[in-house]
Amino acid sequence: MFFTAEDSESHIERAVDEYGDSFARDVTVDELREARRSVTSTFPGITDIFQIFDSMPTKYEHRFSASDFRIELDDHDHELGQLSGWIFEGLLIYADHQLGGDAAHSTQKDPGFRTSQAFNTARFAGASMVSDLKEGVTHVLVGGDRSRIRALRQDVSGFKRLPHLVTIDWIEKSWLEKTLLDEERFAPT
């Protein structure tokens, strides 16, 4: 400081390090309360301002919810559908228990790697993976064992809304194209 009042020098010295650089430190709730008390006692008219702050909600009053955030954006006509990180949002995917043995269509040494990678991609892009085939499932992933397709179709035949039966290729290609691709192209044959 080039010029300061003498009574401010000690205050400034406490707020700078040995090289004259200013710094900040964490304060406790008690220190903040004490600072508020000292300000309101020094400036009695300022209490009205603090009453306004008392009625304001705290910044972290509620936990962040990605689905609530998405709904709020949709309400305000902001779309995230074009972002690849949201392409599977709202989908409920069931993976057939035979899926791990999809060695016939895998280019990896470990056939489970491709399956695991597809699951992680779908989860990252907003899908929910379920372990039970139940009402509300939107997609059923099937593997190389095509004999299971008939049984899966029989299992979902009683659902109000039939889920799409797709191969892992649907997740992989949708991710590469950055959009949901037509499920019919990836139906098991």
N, C-alpha and C. Protein backbone atom coordinates (compact mmCIF):
# COMPACT_ATOMS: atom_id res chain seq x y z
N MET A 1 0.84 -1.17 0.00
CA MET A 1 0.00 0.00 0.00
C MET A 1 0.89 1.24 0.00
N PHE A 2 0.58 2.17 -0.87
CA PHE A 2 1.35 3.39 -0.92
C PHE A 2 0.97 4.35 0.21
N PHE A 3 -0.32 4.38 0.50
CA PHE A 3 -0.75 5.26 1.58
C PHE A 3 -1.91 4.60 2.32
N THR A 4 -1.84 4.56 3.61
CA THR A 4 -2.93 4.07 4.45
C THR A 4 -2.95 4.90 5.72
N ALA A 5 -4.09 4.90 6.33
CA ALA A 5 -4.20 5.55 7.63
C ALA A 5 -3.48 4.68 8.64
N GLU A 6 -2.95 5.26 9.67
CA GLU A 6 -2.16 4.51 10.64
C GLU A 6 -2.96 3.41 11.32
N ASP A 7 -4.23 3.66 11.60
CA ASP A 7 -5.04 2.64 12.27
C ASP A 7 -5.36 1.46 11.34
N SER A 8 -5.17 1.60 10.02
CA SER A 8 -5.44 0.50 9.08
C SER A 8 -4.22 -0.38 8.84
N GLU A 9 -3.05 0.11 9.21
CA GLU A 9 -1.82 -0.62 8.92
C GLU A 9 -1.81 -2.01 9.55
N SER A 10 -2.21 -2.11 10.81
CA SER A 10 -2.18 -3.42 11.49
C SER A 10 -3.18 -4.39 10.84
N HIS A 11 -4.32 -3.86 10.41
CA HIS A 11 -5.32 -4.70 9.74
C HIS A 11 -4.77 -5.21 8.40
N ILE A 12 -4.11 -4.36 7.67
CA ILE A 12 -3.54 -4.75 6.38
C ILE A 12 -2.41 -5.75 6.58
N GLU A 13 -1.59 -5.55 7.57
CA GLU A 13 -0.47 -6.45 7.83
C GLU A 13 -0.96 -7.87 8.16
N ARG A 14 -2.12 -7.99 8.79
CA ARG A 14 -2.67 -9.32 9.10
C ARG A 14 -3.23 -10.00 7.86
N ALA A 15 -3.50 -9.22 6.80
CA ALA A 15 -4.12 -9.77 5.60
C ALA A 15 -3.12 -10.02 4.47
N VAL A 16 -1.82 -9.84 4.73
CA VAL A 16 -0.81 -10.08 3.70
C VAL A 16 0.28 -10.98 4.27
N ASP A 17 0.96 -11.67 3.37
CA ASP A 17 2.05 -12.53 3.82
C ASP A 17 3.35 -11.74 3.91
N GLU A 18 4.46 -12.42 4.15
CA GLU A 18 5.75 -11.75 4.36
C GLU A 18 6.25 -11.00 3.12
N TYR A 19 5.68 -11.35 1.93
CA TYR A 19 6.09 -10.68 0.69
C TYR A 19 5.11 -9.57 0.28
N GLY A 20 4.11 -9.32 1.08
CA GLY A 20 3.14 -8.27 0.78
C GLY A 20 1.98 -8.73 -0.10
N ASP A 21 1.88 -10.05 -0.34
CA ASP A 21 0.78 -10.58 -1.14
C ASP A 21 -0.43 -10.83 -0.24
N SER A 22 -1.61 -10.46 -0.73
CA SER A 22 -2.82 -10.70 0.07
C SER A 22 -3.16 -12.19 0.01
N PHE A 23 -3.86 -12.66 0.98
CA PHE A 23 -4.25 -14.07 1.01
C PHE A 23 -5.61 -14.22 1.66
N ALA A 24 -6.17 -15.37 1.50
CA ALA A 24 -7.46 -15.68 2.11
C ALA A 24 -7.28 -16.95 2.94
N ARG A 25 -8.13 -17.13 3.89
CA ARG A 25 -8.09 -18.34 4.70
C ARG A 25 -9.52 -18.80 4.96
N ASP A 26 -9.66 -20.05 5.31
CA ASP A 26 -10.98 -20.58 5.64
C ASP A 26 -11.40 -20.00 6.99
N VAL A 27 -12.66 -19.72 7.12
CA VAL A 27 -13.18 -19.22 8.39
C VAL A 27 -14.23 -20.19 8.90
N THR A 28 -14.41 -20.19 10.18
CA THR A 28 -15.40 -21.06 10.79
C THR A 28 -16.73 -20.32 10.90
N VAL A 29 -17.77 -21.05 11.18
CA VAL A 29 -19.09 -20.45 11.37
C VAL A 29 -19.07 -19.48 12.54
N ASP A 30 -18.36 -19.84 13.59
CA ASP A 30 -18.28 -18.96 14.77
C ASP A 30 -17.60 -17.64 14.42
N GLU A 31 -16.55 -17.70 13.59
CA GLU A 31 -15.87 -16.47 13.19
C GLU A 31 -16.80 -15.58 12.35
N LEU A 32 -17.62 -16.19 11.50
CA LEU A 32 -18.57 -15.42 10.70
C LEU A 32 -19.63 -14.78 11.59
N ARG A 33 -20.09 -15.52 12.60
CA ARG A 33 -21.07 -14.95 13.53
C ARG A 33 -20.48 -13.76 14.29
N GLU A 34 -19.23 -13.92 14.70
CA GLU A 34 -18.57 -12.83 15.41
C GLU A 34 -18.39 -11.61 14.51
N ALA A 35 -18.05 -11.83 13.25
CA ALA A 35 -17.91 -10.72 12.30
C ALA A 35 -19.25 -10.02 12.12
N ARG A 36 -20.32 -10.79 12.03
CA ARG A 36 -21.66 -10.21 11.88
C ARG A 36 -22.03 -9.37 13.10
N ARG A 37 -21.74 -9.90 14.29
CA ARG A 37 -22.03 -9.17 15.53
C ARG A 37 -21.27 -7.85 15.58
N SER A 38 -20.01 -7.89 15.16
CA SER A 38 -19.21 -6.66 15.22
C SER A 38 -19.70 -5.64 14.20
N VAL A 39 -20.16 -6.09 13.03
CA VAL A 39 -20.67 -5.16 12.02
C VAL A 39 -21.99 -4.56 12.49
N THR A 40 -22.90 -5.38 13.02
CA THR A 40 -24.19 -4.85 13.45
C THR A 40 -24.06 -3.95 14.68
N SER A 41 -23.07 -4.18 15.52
CA SER A 41 -22.89 -3.28 16.67
C SER A 41 -22.26 -1.96 16.23
N THR A 42 -21.40 -2.01 15.21
CA THR A 42 -20.76 -0.78 14.71
C THR A 42 -21.72 0.03 13.86
N PHE A 43 -22.51 -0.66 13.04
CA PHE A 43 -23.46 0.00 12.14
C PHE A 43 -24.86 -0.52 12.44
N PRO A 44 -25.60 0.09 13.38
CA PRO A 44 -26.91 -0.43 13.80
C PRO A 44 -27.93 -0.50 12.67
N GLY A 45 -27.87 0.34 11.66
CA GLY A 45 -28.86 0.32 10.58
C GLY A 45 -28.69 -0.83 9.62
N ILE A 46 -27.62 -1.58 9.73
CA ILE A 46 -27.33 -2.65 8.78
C ILE A 46 -28.07 -3.95 9.11
N THR A 47 -28.73 -4.03 10.24
CA THR A 47 -29.42 -5.26 10.63
C THR A 47 -30.51 -5.64 9.65
N ASP A 48 -31.15 -4.65 9.00
CA ASP A 48 -32.19 -4.97 8.01
C ASP A 48 -31.63 -5.78 6.85
N ILE A 49 -30.41 -5.48 6.44
CA ILE A 49 -29.78 -6.21 5.33
C ILE A 49 -29.55 -7.66 5.73
N PHE A 50 -29.09 -7.90 6.95
CA PHE A 50 -28.84 -9.26 7.39
C PHE A 50 -30.13 -10.07 7.49
N GLN A 51 -31.25 -9.41 7.80
CA GLN A 51 -32.53 -10.11 7.84
C GLN A 51 -32.91 -10.61 6.46
N ILE A 52 -32.58 -9.85 5.43
CA ILE A 52 -32.84 -10.31 4.06
C ILE A 52 -32.05 -11.58 3.78
N PHE A 53 -30.76 -11.60 4.17
CA PHE A 53 -29.93 -12.77 3.93
C PHE A 53 -30.40 -13.99 4.72
N ASP A 54 -30.96 -13.75 5.90
CA ASP A 54 -31.45 -14.86 6.72
C ASP A 54 -32.61 -15.59 6.04
N SER A 55 -33.40 -14.87 5.24
CA SER A 55 -34.55 -15.50 4.60
C SER A 55 -34.20 -16.18 3.28
N MET A 56 -32.99 -15.97 2.78
CA MET A 56 -32.60 -16.57 1.50
C MET A 56 -32.21 -18.03 1.72
N PRO A 57 -32.55 -18.91 0.75
CA PRO A 57 -32.13 -20.31 0.89
C PRO A 57 -30.63 -20.44 0.69
N THR A 58 -30.05 -21.43 1.34
CA THR A 58 -28.62 -21.66 1.16
C THR A 58 -28.37 -22.30 -0.19
N LYS A 59 -27.18 -22.12 -0.69
CA LYS A 59 -26.84 -22.61 -2.04
C LYS A 59 -26.95 -24.13 -2.13
N TYR A 60 -26.56 -24.83 -1.11
CA TYR A 60 -26.55 -26.29 -1.17
C TYR A 60 -27.65 -26.89 -0.32
N GLU A 61 -28.81 -26.28 -0.36
CA GLU A 61 -29.93 -26.75 0.44
C GLU A 61 -30.42 -28.12 -0.06
N HIS A 62 -30.38 -28.32 -1.38
CA HIS A 62 -30.84 -29.57 -1.97
C HIS A 62 -29.71 -30.18 -2.78
N ARG A 63 -29.69 -31.51 -2.81
CA ARG A 63 -28.69 -32.20 -3.63
C ARG A 63 -29.03 -32.04 -5.10
N PHE A 64 -28.02 -32.04 -5.93
CA PHE A 64 -28.21 -31.91 -7.37
C PHE A 64 -28.78 -33.21 -7.93
N SER A 65 -29.77 -33.09 -8.78
CA SER A 65 -30.37 -34.25 -9.43
C SER A 65 -30.31 -34.02 -10.94
N ALA A 66 -29.61 -34.91 -11.64
CA ALA A 66 -29.46 -34.75 -13.09
C ALA A 66 -30.82 -34.83 -13.79
N SER A 67 -31.70 -35.71 -13.34
CA SER A 67 -33.00 -35.84 -13.99
C SER A 67 -33.85 -34.59 -13.76
N ASP A 68 -33.81 -34.02 -12.54
CA ASP A 68 -34.54 -32.77 -12.28
C ASP A 68 -33.98 -31.62 -13.11
N PHE A 69 -32.65 -31.61 -13.26
CA PHE A 69 -32.01 -30.59 -14.08
C PHE A 69 -32.46 -30.71 -15.54
N ARG A 70 -32.53 -31.94 -16.02
CA ARG A 70 -32.97 -32.17 -17.40
C ARG A 70 -34.41 -31.71 -17.60
N ILE A 71 -35.28 -32.00 -16.64
CA ILE A 71 -36.69 -31.58 -16.72
C ILE A 71 -36.79 -30.06 -16.72
N GLU A 72 -36.00 -29.43 -15.86
CA GLU A 72 -36.01 -27.97 -15.79
C GLU A 72 -35.54 -27.35 -17.11
N LEU A 73 -34.51 -27.94 -17.71
CA LEU A 73 -34.04 -27.44 -19.00
C LEU A 73 -35.11 -27.60 -20.08
N ASP A 74 -35.79 -28.75 -20.08
CA ASP A 74 -36.86 -28.99 -21.04
C ASP A 74 -38.00 -27.99 -20.85
N ASP A 75 -38.32 -27.66 -19.59
CA ASP A 75 -39.37 -26.69 -19.30
C ASP A 75 -39.05 -25.31 -19.87
N HIS A 76 -37.77 -25.01 -19.99
CA HIS A 76 -37.34 -23.71 -20.49
C HIS A 76 -36.87 -23.79 -21.96
N ASP A 77 -37.27 -24.85 -22.65
CA ASP A 77 -36.95 -25.06 -24.07
C ASP A 77 -35.45 -25.10 -24.36
N HIS A 78 -34.68 -25.68 -23.45
CA HIS A 78 -33.26 -25.92 -23.70
C HIS A 78 -33.10 -27.42 -23.85
N GLU A 79 -32.58 -27.87 -24.97
CA GLU A 79 -32.48 -29.30 -25.21
C GLU A 79 -31.05 -29.78 -25.10
N LEU A 80 -30.88 -30.92 -24.44
CA LEU A 80 -29.58 -31.56 -24.36
C LEU A 80 -29.55 -32.83 -25.19
N GLY A 81 -30.61 -33.10 -25.90
CA GLY A 81 -30.71 -34.33 -26.67
C GLY A 81 -29.64 -34.50 -27.71
N GLN A 82 -29.05 -33.41 -28.16
CA GLN A 82 -28.03 -33.50 -29.18
C GLN A 82 -26.65 -33.81 -28.60
N LEU A 83 -26.50 -33.76 -27.30
CA LEU A 83 -25.22 -34.07 -26.68
C LEU A 83 -25.12 -35.58 -26.47
N SER A 84 -24.00 -36.15 -26.85
CA SER A 84 -23.86 -37.61 -26.76
C SER A 84 -23.92 -38.11 -25.33
N GLY A 85 -23.60 -37.27 -24.36
CA GLY A 85 -23.67 -37.68 -22.97
C GLY A 85 -25.08 -37.87 -22.45
N TRP A 86 -26.09 -37.56 -23.25
CA TRP A 86 -27.48 -37.70 -22.84
C TRP A 86 -28.29 -38.60 -23.77
N ILE A 87 -27.67 -39.25 -24.73
CA ILE A 87 -28.46 -39.94 -25.76
C ILE A 87 -29.27 -41.11 -25.22
N PHE A 88 -28.85 -41.75 -24.16
CA PHE A 88 -29.60 -42.87 -23.61
C PHE A 88 -30.42 -42.49 -22.38
N GLU A 89 -30.55 -41.18 -22.13
CA GLU A 89 -31.29 -40.69 -20.96
C GLU A 89 -32.72 -41.22 -20.96
N GLY A 90 -33.13 -41.75 -19.84
CA GLY A 90 -34.49 -42.23 -19.68
C GLY A 90 -34.74 -43.65 -20.15
N LEU A 91 -33.73 -44.30 -20.72
CA LEU A 91 -33.91 -45.68 -21.18
C LEU A 91 -33.63 -46.64 -20.04
N LEU A 92 -34.42 -47.69 -19.99
CA LEU A 92 -34.26 -48.75 -18.99
C LEU A 92 -33.85 -50.00 -19.75
N ILE A 93 -32.62 -50.44 -19.56
CA ILE A 93 -32.05 -51.52 -20.37
C ILE A 93 -31.83 -52.76 -19.53
N TYR A 94 -32.33 -53.87 -20.04
CA TYR A 94 -32.11 -55.18 -19.42
C TYR A 94 -31.13 -55.95 -20.30
N ALA A 95 -30.13 -56.53 -19.70
CA ALA A 95 -29.17 -57.35 -20.44
C ALA A 95 -29.45 -58.81 -20.15
N ASP A 96 -29.67 -59.56 -21.21
CA ASP A 96 -29.93 -61.00 -21.06
C ASP A 96 -28.73 -61.65 -20.37
N HIS A 97 -29.00 -62.60 -19.48
CA HIS A 97 -27.93 -63.23 -18.72
C HIS A 97 -26.95 -64.01 -19.60
N GLN A 98 -27.34 -64.36 -20.81
CA GLN A 98 -26.45 -65.06 -21.73
C GLN A 98 -25.54 -64.10 -22.50
N LEU A 99 -25.68 -62.82 -22.27
CA LEU A 99 -24.97 -61.81 -23.06
C LEU A 99 -23.46 -61.90 -22.91
N GLY A 100 -22.97 -62.24 -21.75
CA GLY A 100 -21.53 -62.28 -21.53
C GLY A 100 -20.80 -63.23 -22.45
N GLY A 101 -21.48 -64.21 -23.02
CA GLY A 101 -20.84 -65.19 -23.90
C GLY A 101 -20.93 -64.83 -25.35
N ASP A 102 -20.91 -63.55 -25.69
CA ASP A 102 -21.04 -63.11 -27.07
C ASP A 102 -19.70 -63.16 -27.79
N ALA A 103 -19.00 -64.27 -27.71
CA ALA A 103 -17.67 -64.39 -28.29
C ALA A 103 -17.70 -64.39 -29.81
N ALA A 104 -18.76 -64.84 -30.40
CA ALA A 104 -18.84 -64.94 -31.86
C ALA A 104 -18.77 -63.57 -32.52
N HIS A 105 -19.27 -62.52 -31.85
CA HIS A 105 -19.31 -61.20 -32.45
C HIS A 105 -18.28 -60.26 -31.83
N SER A 106 -17.40 -60.77 -31.00
CA SER A 106 -16.44 -59.92 -30.32
C SER A 106 -15.11 -59.91 -31.03
N THR A 107 -14.52 -58.73 -31.15
CA THR A 107 -13.19 -58.61 -31.72
C THR A 107 -12.14 -58.55 -30.62
N GLN A 108 -12.56 -58.53 -29.38
CA GLN A 108 -11.65 -58.45 -28.25
C GLN A 108 -11.25 -59.86 -27.83
N LYS A 109 -10.10 -59.97 -27.15
CA LYS A 109 -9.68 -61.27 -26.62
C LYS A 109 -10.61 -61.72 -25.51
N ASP A 110 -11.14 -60.76 -24.76
CA ASP A 110 -12.07 -61.04 -23.67
C ASP A 110 -13.47 -60.66 -24.13
N PRO A 111 -14.36 -61.64 -24.39
CA PRO A 111 -15.70 -61.28 -24.87
C PRO A 111 -16.51 -60.47 -23.86
N GLY A 112 -16.21 -60.61 -22.59
CA GLY A 112 -16.91 -59.84 -21.58
C GLY A 112 -16.53 -58.36 -21.60
N PHE A 113 -15.37 -58.05 -22.18
CA PHE A 113 -14.92 -56.66 -22.26
C PHE A 113 -15.87 -55.84 -23.11
N ARG A 114 -16.26 -56.35 -24.23
CA ARG A 114 -17.17 -55.62 -25.14
C ARG A 114 -18.50 -55.36 -24.45
N THR A 115 -19.01 -56.36 -23.76
CA THR A 115 -20.26 -56.22 -23.03
C THR A 115 -20.13 -55.17 -21.93
N SER A 116 -19.06 -55.27 -21.16
CA SER A 116 -18.83 -54.31 -20.08
C SER A 116 -18.68 -52.90 -20.62
N GLN A 117 -17.99 -52.75 -21.73
CA GLN A 117 -17.81 -51.44 -22.33
C GLN A 117 -19.15 -50.86 -22.80
N ALA A 118 -20.00 -51.69 -23.37
CA ALA A 118 -21.33 -51.23 -23.82
C ALA A 118 -22.18 -50.81 -22.62
N PHE A 119 -22.16 -51.59 -21.54
CA PHE A 119 -22.92 -51.24 -20.33
C PHE A 119 -22.46 -49.89 -19.78
N ASN A 120 -21.14 -49.72 -19.68
CA ASN A 120 -20.61 -48.47 -19.14
C ASN A 120 -20.95 -47.28 -20.03
N THR A 121 -20.90 -47.48 -21.32
CA THR A 121 -21.25 -46.41 -22.26
C THR A 121 -22.71 -46.02 -22.08
N ALA A 122 -23.59 -47.01 -22.01
CA ALA A 122 -25.02 -46.73 -21.85
C ALA A 122 -25.29 -46.02 -20.53
N ARG A 123 -24.66 -46.48 -19.46
CA ARG A 123 -24.84 -45.84 -18.15
C ARG A 123 -24.32 -44.40 -18.18
N PHE A 124 -23.16 -44.21 -18.78
CA PHE A 124 -22.59 -42.86 -18.86
C PHE A 124 -23.51 -41.91 -19.61
N ALA A 125 -24.16 -42.42 -20.65
CA ALA A 125 -25.02 -41.58 -21.49
C ALA A 125 -26.46 -41.54 -20.98
N GLY A 126 -26.69 -41.93 -19.72
CA GLY A 126 -27.97 -41.69 -19.09
C GLY A 126 -28.90 -42.88 -18.93
N ALA A 127 -28.54 -44.05 -19.43
CA ALA A 127 -29.42 -45.21 -19.31
C ALA A 127 -29.34 -45.80 -17.91
N SER A 128 -30.41 -46.46 -17.53
CA SER A 128 -30.42 -47.23 -16.29
C SER A 128 -30.42 -48.70 -16.67
N MET A 129 -29.53 -49.46 -16.07
CA MET A 129 -29.42 -50.89 -16.34
C MET A 129 -30.15 -51.63 -15.22
N VAL A 130 -30.96 -52.62 -15.60
CA VAL A 130 -31.69 -53.40 -14.60
C VAL A 130 -31.31 -54.87 -14.73
N SER A 131 -31.43 -55.58 -13.64
CA SER A 131 -31.06 -57.00 -13.64
C SER A 131 -32.27 -57.92 -13.81
N ASP A 132 -33.48 -57.36 -13.74
CA ASP A 132 -34.70 -58.17 -13.90
C ASP A 132 -35.49 -57.67 -15.11
N LEU A 133 -35.99 -58.61 -15.88
CA LEU A 133 -36.83 -58.26 -17.02
C LEU A 133 -38.22 -57.99 -16.47
N LYS A 134 -38.61 -56.70 -16.49
CA LYS A 134 -39.86 -56.30 -15.88
C LYS A 134 -40.54 -55.23 -16.72
N GLU A 135 -41.77 -54.93 -16.37
CA GLU A 135 -42.53 -53.88 -17.05
C GLU A 135 -41.76 -52.57 -16.96
N GLY A 136 -41.74 -51.82 -18.04
CA GLY A 136 -41.04 -50.54 -18.07
C GLY A 136 -39.69 -50.60 -18.75
N VAL A 137 -39.15 -51.81 -18.95
CA VAL A 137 -37.88 -51.95 -19.66
C VAL A 137 -38.10 -51.49 -21.10
N THR A 138 -37.20 -50.63 -21.58
CA THR A 138 -37.35 -50.10 -22.94
C THR A 138 -36.54 -50.89 -23.96
N HIS A 139 -35.44 -51.51 -23.53
CA HIS A 139 -34.57 -52.25 -24.45
C HIS A 139 -34.05 -53.50 -23.77
N VAL A 140 -33.95 -54.57 -24.54
CA VAL A 140 -33.38 -55.83 -24.06
C VAL A 140 -32.17 -56.12 -24.93
N LEU A 141 -31.00 -56.22 -24.30
CA LEU A 141 -29.78 -56.54 -25.03
C LEU A 141 -29.62 -58.05 -25.10
N VAL A 142 -29.45 -58.57 -26.29
CA VAL A 142 -29.28 -60.01 -26.47
C VAL A 142 -27.89 -60.28 -27.02
N GLY A 143 -27.37 -61.44 -26.70
CA GLY A 143 -26.02 -61.80 -27.12
C GLY A 143 -26.02 -62.74 -28.30
N GLY A 144 -24.94 -63.51 -28.41
CA GLY A 144 -24.75 -64.40 -29.54
C GLY A 144 -25.63 -65.64 -29.49
N ASP A 145 -26.18 -65.99 -28.33
CA ASP A 145 -27.04 -67.17 -28.20
C ASP A 145 -28.43 -66.84 -28.71
N ARG A 146 -28.67 -67.08 -30.00
CA ARG A 146 -29.94 -66.72 -30.63
C ARG A 146 -31.10 -67.62 -30.19
N SER A 147 -30.80 -68.73 -29.53
CA SER A 147 -31.88 -69.60 -29.06
C SER A 147 -32.67 -68.93 -27.93
N ARG A 148 -32.12 -67.94 -27.29
CA ARG A 148 -32.79 -67.24 -26.20
C ARG A 148 -33.81 -66.22 -26.70
N ILE A 149 -33.75 -65.84 -27.95
CA ILE A 149 -34.61 -64.78 -28.48
C ILE A 149 -36.08 -65.15 -28.34
N ARG A 150 -36.42 -66.37 -28.68
CA ARG A 150 -37.82 -66.80 -28.58
C ARG A 150 -38.31 -66.72 -27.14
N ALA A 151 -37.50 -67.17 -26.20
CA ALA A 151 -37.88 -67.13 -24.78
C ALA A 151 -38.02 -65.69 -24.31
N LEU A 152 -37.13 -64.81 -24.74
CA LEU A 152 -37.22 -63.40 -24.34
C LEU A 152 -38.47 -62.75 -24.91
N ARG A 153 -38.77 -63.04 -26.16
CA ARG A 153 -39.99 -62.48 -26.76
C ARG A 153 -41.23 -62.98 -26.04
N GLN A 154 -41.21 -64.22 -25.62
CA GLN A 154 -42.34 -64.77 -24.86
C GLN A 154 -42.46 -64.07 -23.50
N ASP A 155 -41.32 -63.80 -22.86
CA ASP A 155 -41.33 -63.14 -21.56
C ASP A 155 -41.89 -61.72 -21.62
N VAL A 156 -41.62 -60.99 -22.70
CA VAL A 156 -42.07 -59.60 -22.79
C VAL A 156 -43.42 -59.44 -23.47
N SER A 157 -43.98 -60.54 -23.96
CA SER A 157 -45.23 -60.46 -24.72
C SER A 157 -46.40 -59.92 -23.88
N GLY A 158 -46.35 -60.06 -22.58
CA GLY A 158 -47.43 -59.58 -21.72
C GLY A 158 -47.25 -58.13 -21.27
N PHE A 159 -46.16 -57.49 -21.64
CA PHE A 159 -45.92 -56.10 -21.22
C PHE A 159 -46.85 -55.16 -21.97
N LYS A 160 -47.24 -54.07 -21.32
CA LYS A 160 -48.07 -53.06 -21.98
C LYS A 160 -47.34 -52.43 -23.16
N ARG A 161 -46.08 -52.14 -22.95
CA ARG A 161 -45.25 -51.59 -24.02
C ARG A 161 -44.09 -52.54 -24.25
N LEU A 162 -44.01 -53.07 -25.46
CA LEU A 162 -42.97 -54.05 -25.76
C LEU A 162 -41.60 -53.37 -25.88
N PRO A 163 -40.61 -53.92 -25.19
CA PRO A 163 -39.26 -53.36 -25.33
C PRO A 163 -38.62 -53.79 -26.65
N HIS A 164 -37.65 -53.01 -27.09
CA HIS A 164 -36.90 -53.35 -28.30
C HIS A 164 -35.85 -54.40 -27.96
N LEU A 165 -35.75 -55.46 -28.75
CA LEU A 165 -34.68 -56.43 -28.60
C LEU A 165 -33.56 -56.00 -29.54
N VAL A 166 -32.39 -55.72 -28.97
CA VAL A 166 -31.27 -55.22 -29.76
C VAL A 166 -29.98 -55.92 -29.35
N THR A 167 -28.99 -55.83 -30.22
CA THR A 167 -27.66 -56.36 -29.92
C THR A 167 -26.81 -55.22 -29.35
N ILE A 168 -25.64 -55.58 -28.85
CA ILE A 168 -24.72 -54.58 -28.31
C ILE A 168 -24.31 -53.58 -29.38
N ASP A 169 -24.34 -54.01 -30.63
CA ASP A 169 -23.99 -53.10 -31.73
C ASP A 169 -24.83 -51.82 -31.70
N TRP A 170 -26.07 -51.91 -31.25
CA TRP A 170 -26.95 -50.74 -31.19
C TRP A 170 -26.36 -49.66 -30.27
N ILE A 171 -25.87 -50.08 -29.10
CA ILE A 171 -25.26 -49.12 -28.18
C ILE A 171 -23.98 -48.55 -28.79
N GLU A 172 -23.14 -49.44 -29.32
CA GLU A 172 -21.85 -49.00 -29.87
C GLU A 172 -22.04 -48.03 -31.04
N LYS A 173 -22.91 -48.37 -31.97
CA LYS A 173 -23.10 -47.51 -33.15
C LYS A 173 -23.83 -46.22 -32.80
N SER A 174 -24.79 -46.29 -31.88
CA SER A 174 -25.48 -45.06 -31.45
C SER A 174 -24.49 -44.10 -30.82
N TRP A 175 -23.59 -44.64 -30.01
CA TRP A 175 -22.59 -43.80 -29.36
C TRP A 175 -21.67 -43.16 -30.41
N LEU A 176 -21.24 -43.96 -31.38
CA LEU A 176 -20.36 -43.41 -32.42
C LEU A 176 -21.06 -42.35 -33.27
N GLU A 177 -22.34 -42.56 -33.56
CA GLU A 177 -23.10 -41.60 -34.37
C GLU A 177 -23.64 -40.42 -33.56
N LYS A 178 -23.54 -40.53 -32.22
CA LYS A 178 -24.00 -39.49 -31.29
C LYS A 178 -25.49 -39.22 -31.39
N THR A 179 -26.25 -40.26 -31.67
CA THR A 179 -27.71 -40.17 -31.70
C THR A 179 -28.28 -41.58 -31.56
N LEU A 180 -29.52 -41.67 -31.12
CA LEU A 180 -30.16 -42.99 -31.04
C LEU A 180 -30.48 -43.46 -32.45
N LEU A 181 -29.99 -44.62 -32.79
CA LEU A 181 -30.25 -45.19 -34.11
C LEU A 181 -31.49 -46.06 -34.04
N ASP A 182 -32.07 -46.32 -35.20
CA ASP A 182 -33.27 -47.15 -35.30
C ASP A 182 -32.98 -48.56 -34.78
N GLU A 183 -33.74 -48.98 -33.79
CA GLU A 183 -33.52 -50.27 -33.15
C GLU A 183 -33.76 -51.44 -34.10
N GLU A 184 -34.62 -51.26 -35.07
CA GLU A 184 -34.95 -52.35 -36.00
C GLU A 184 -33.70 -52.81 -36.77
N ARG A 185 -32.79 -51.90 -37.03
CA ARG A 185 -31.56 -52.25 -37.74
C ARG A 185 -30.67 -53.16 -36.90
N PHE A 186 -30.87 -53.16 -35.59
CA PHE A 186 -30.00 -53.92 -34.70
C PHE A 186 -30.76 -55.04 -33.99
N ALA A 187 -31.90 -55.41 -34.52
CA ALA A 187 -32.68 -56.51 -33.94
C ALA A 187 -31.94 -57.81 -34.22
N PRO A 188 -31.91 -58.71 -33.23
CA PRO A 188 -31.24 -59.99 -33.44
C PRO A 188 -31.99 -60.83 -34.47
N THR A 189 -31.25 -61.56 -35.27
CA THR A 189 -31.89 -62.40 -36.30
C THR A 189 -31.73 -63.85 -35.99
